[in-house]
Amino acid sequence: LSLERIKEDRPITIKDDKGNTSKCIADIVSLFITLMDKLRLEIKAMDELHPELRDLVDTMNRLSLIPSGFEGKEKVTNWLNTLNAMQASDELSESQVRQMLFDLETAYAAFNNLLHST
C-alpha cells in the first residue's frame, strides 16, 4: 500500500497536528506576532526570544499543511540555530534585529499565502 501511495504521489506525512489544524494555525500566527512585537519593542536578548521561536519551529513542524522545504520554516529554523549558538545573556545586534524582523515578516507572509492557497 505504501508503494502504491508513493506511485500516486500521495505519501502519508508523518506530522502530528492530531487533527488540531486550526489550533496549530492560531498558535503559529500568535507566535509570529509575538516575536515581531518583541523585536519592535527592542527586546533582543537570546533568553527573551528563544522560547517563542522554539515553539514556533515546533508548531510549524507539527502542522501537516506545511510542506517540507517551505521557505518560511527554513528562515525561522535558521534564526533558532543562531539563537541556540548564543549565551542566554547575549543580545542580537541592531542589524540582526532588523534582519530577523524582515525574515519573520517574510515567513509570516509566506505562511499566510500558503493558507490562502490550500
Protein backbone atom coordinates (compact mmCIF):
# COMPACT_ATOMS: atom_id res chain seq x y z
CA LEU A 1 0.00 0.00 0.00
CA SER A 2 2.85 2.38 0.78
CA LEU A 3 4.44 1.87 -2.61
CA GLU A 4 1.07 2.41 -4.27
CA ARG A 5 0.64 5.75 -2.42
CA ILE A 6 4.14 6.82 -3.47
CA LYS A 7 3.49 5.91 -7.11
CA GLU A 8 0.32 8.02 -6.99
CA ASP A 9 2.32 10.89 -5.44
CA ARG A 10 0.28 10.94 -2.27
CA PRO A 11 2.60 9.79 0.52
CA ILE A 12 1.43 9.85 4.10
CA THR A 13 3.06 12.64 6.04
CA ILE A 14 4.36 11.81 9.47
CA LYS A 15 3.31 15.02 11.11
CA ASP A 16 1.38 15.24 14.30
CA ASP A 17 -1.17 18.04 14.38
CA LYS A 18 -3.62 15.40 15.73
CA GLY A 19 -6.46 16.95 13.78
CA ASN A 20 -5.97 20.28 15.57
CA THR A 21 -5.07 22.14 12.40
CA SER A 22 -6.96 25.28 13.45
CA LYS A 23 -5.22 25.40 16.82
CA CYS A 24 -1.80 24.95 15.19
CA ILE A 25 -2.55 27.75 12.73
CA ALA A 26 -3.70 30.05 15.54
CA ASP A 27 -0.60 29.24 17.59
CA ILE A 28 1.70 29.91 14.63
CA VAL A 29 0.06 33.28 13.92
CA SER A 30 0.24 34.23 17.59
CA LEU A 31 3.91 33.28 17.86
CA PHE A 32 4.83 35.19 14.69
CA ILE A 33 3.09 38.32 16.01
CA THR A 34 4.60 37.98 19.50
CA LEU A 35 8.13 37.63 18.12
CA MET A 36 7.76 40.56 15.73
CA ASP A 37 6.31 42.72 18.52
CA LYS A 38 9.19 41.83 20.85
CA LEU A 39 11.73 42.85 18.22
CA ARG A 40 9.88 46.13 17.56
CA LEU A 41 9.93 46.80 21.32
CA GLU A 42 13.72 46.33 21.22
CA ILE A 43 13.64 43.05 23.14
CA LYS A 44 16.67 41.33 21.70
CA ALA A 45 18.22 39.08 24.35
CA MET A 46 18.54 35.43 23.44
CA ASP A 47 16.68 34.18 26.51
CA GLU A 48 13.74 36.51 25.79
CA LEU A 49 13.31 35.43 22.15
CA HIS A 50 14.27 31.76 22.25
CA PRO A 51 11.14 30.25 23.92
CA GLU A 52 8.69 31.65 21.36
CA LEU A 53 10.99 30.96 18.45
CA ARG A 54 11.45 27.34 19.57
CA ASP A 55 7.66 26.98 19.97
CA LEU A 56 7.14 28.46 16.51
CA VAL A 57 9.52 25.97 14.89
CA ASP A 58 7.99 23.07 16.83
CA THR A 59 4.43 24.06 15.88
CA MET A 60 5.34 24.59 12.23
CA ASN A 61 6.94 21.14 12.20
CA ARG A 62 3.73 19.60 13.58
CA LEU A 63 1.38 21.27 11.09
CA SER A 64 0.77 18.85 8.24
CA LEU A 65 -0.29 21.64 5.85
CA ILE A 66 3.27 22.96 5.69
CA PRO A 67 5.30 21.14 3.04
CA SER A 68 8.87 20.09 3.64
CA GLY A 69 11.26 22.68 2.29
CA PHE A 70 8.80 25.52 3.00
CA GLU A 71 10.83 28.74 2.79
CA GLY A 72 9.19 30.32 5.84
CA LYS A 73 10.03 27.37 8.07
CA GLU A 74 13.63 27.40 6.87
CA LYS A 75 14.03 31.10 7.75
CA VAL A 76 12.62 30.58 11.23
CA THR A 77 14.76 27.48 11.80
CA ASN A 78 17.90 29.38 10.75
CA TRP A 79 17.17 32.01 13.40
CA LEU A 80 16.58 29.32 16.02
CA ASN A 81 20.00 27.88 15.14
CA THR A 82 21.52 31.36 15.51
CA LEU A 83 19.97 31.81 18.95
CA ASN A 84 20.99 28.28 20.00
CA ALA A 85 24.63 29.27 19.40
CA MET A 86 24.33 32.26 21.75
CA GLN A 87 24.60 32.57 25.53
CA ALA A 88 21.36 33.40 27.38
CA SER A 89 22.54 36.94 28.15
CA ASP A 90 23.73 37.66 24.59
CA GLU A 91 21.74 40.16 22.55
CA LEU A 92 21.17 40.43 18.83
CA SER A 93 22.87 43.39 17.17
CA GLU A 94 20.77 46.12 15.55
CA SER A 95 21.43 44.68 12.11
CA GLN A 96 20.50 41.17 13.31
CA VAL A 97 17.26 42.50 14.82
CA ARG A 98 16.43 44.23 11.56
CA GLN A 99 17.21 41.11 9.51
CA MET A 100 15.29 38.81 11.87
CA LEU A 101 12.26 41.10 11.72
CA PHE A 102 12.44 41.12 7.93
CA ASP A 103 12.78 37.33 7.81
CA LEU A 104 9.87 36.82 10.22
CA GLU A 105 7.66 39.19 8.21
CA THR A 106 8.60 37.35 5.01
CA ALA A 107 7.95 33.94 6.60
CA TYR A 108 4.64 35.15 8.03
CA ALA A 109 3.53 36.44 4.61
CA ALA A 110 4.55 33.12 3.01
CA PHE A 111 2.60 31.24 5.69
CA ASN A 112 -0.50 33.36 5.01
CA ASN A 113 -0.12 32.76 1.26
CA LEU A 114 0.14 29.03 1.93
CA LEU A 115 -3.08 29.12 3.95
CA HIS A 116 -4.93 31.01 1.23
CA SER A 117 -3.76 28.57 -1.45
CA THR A 118 -4.95 25.45 0.40
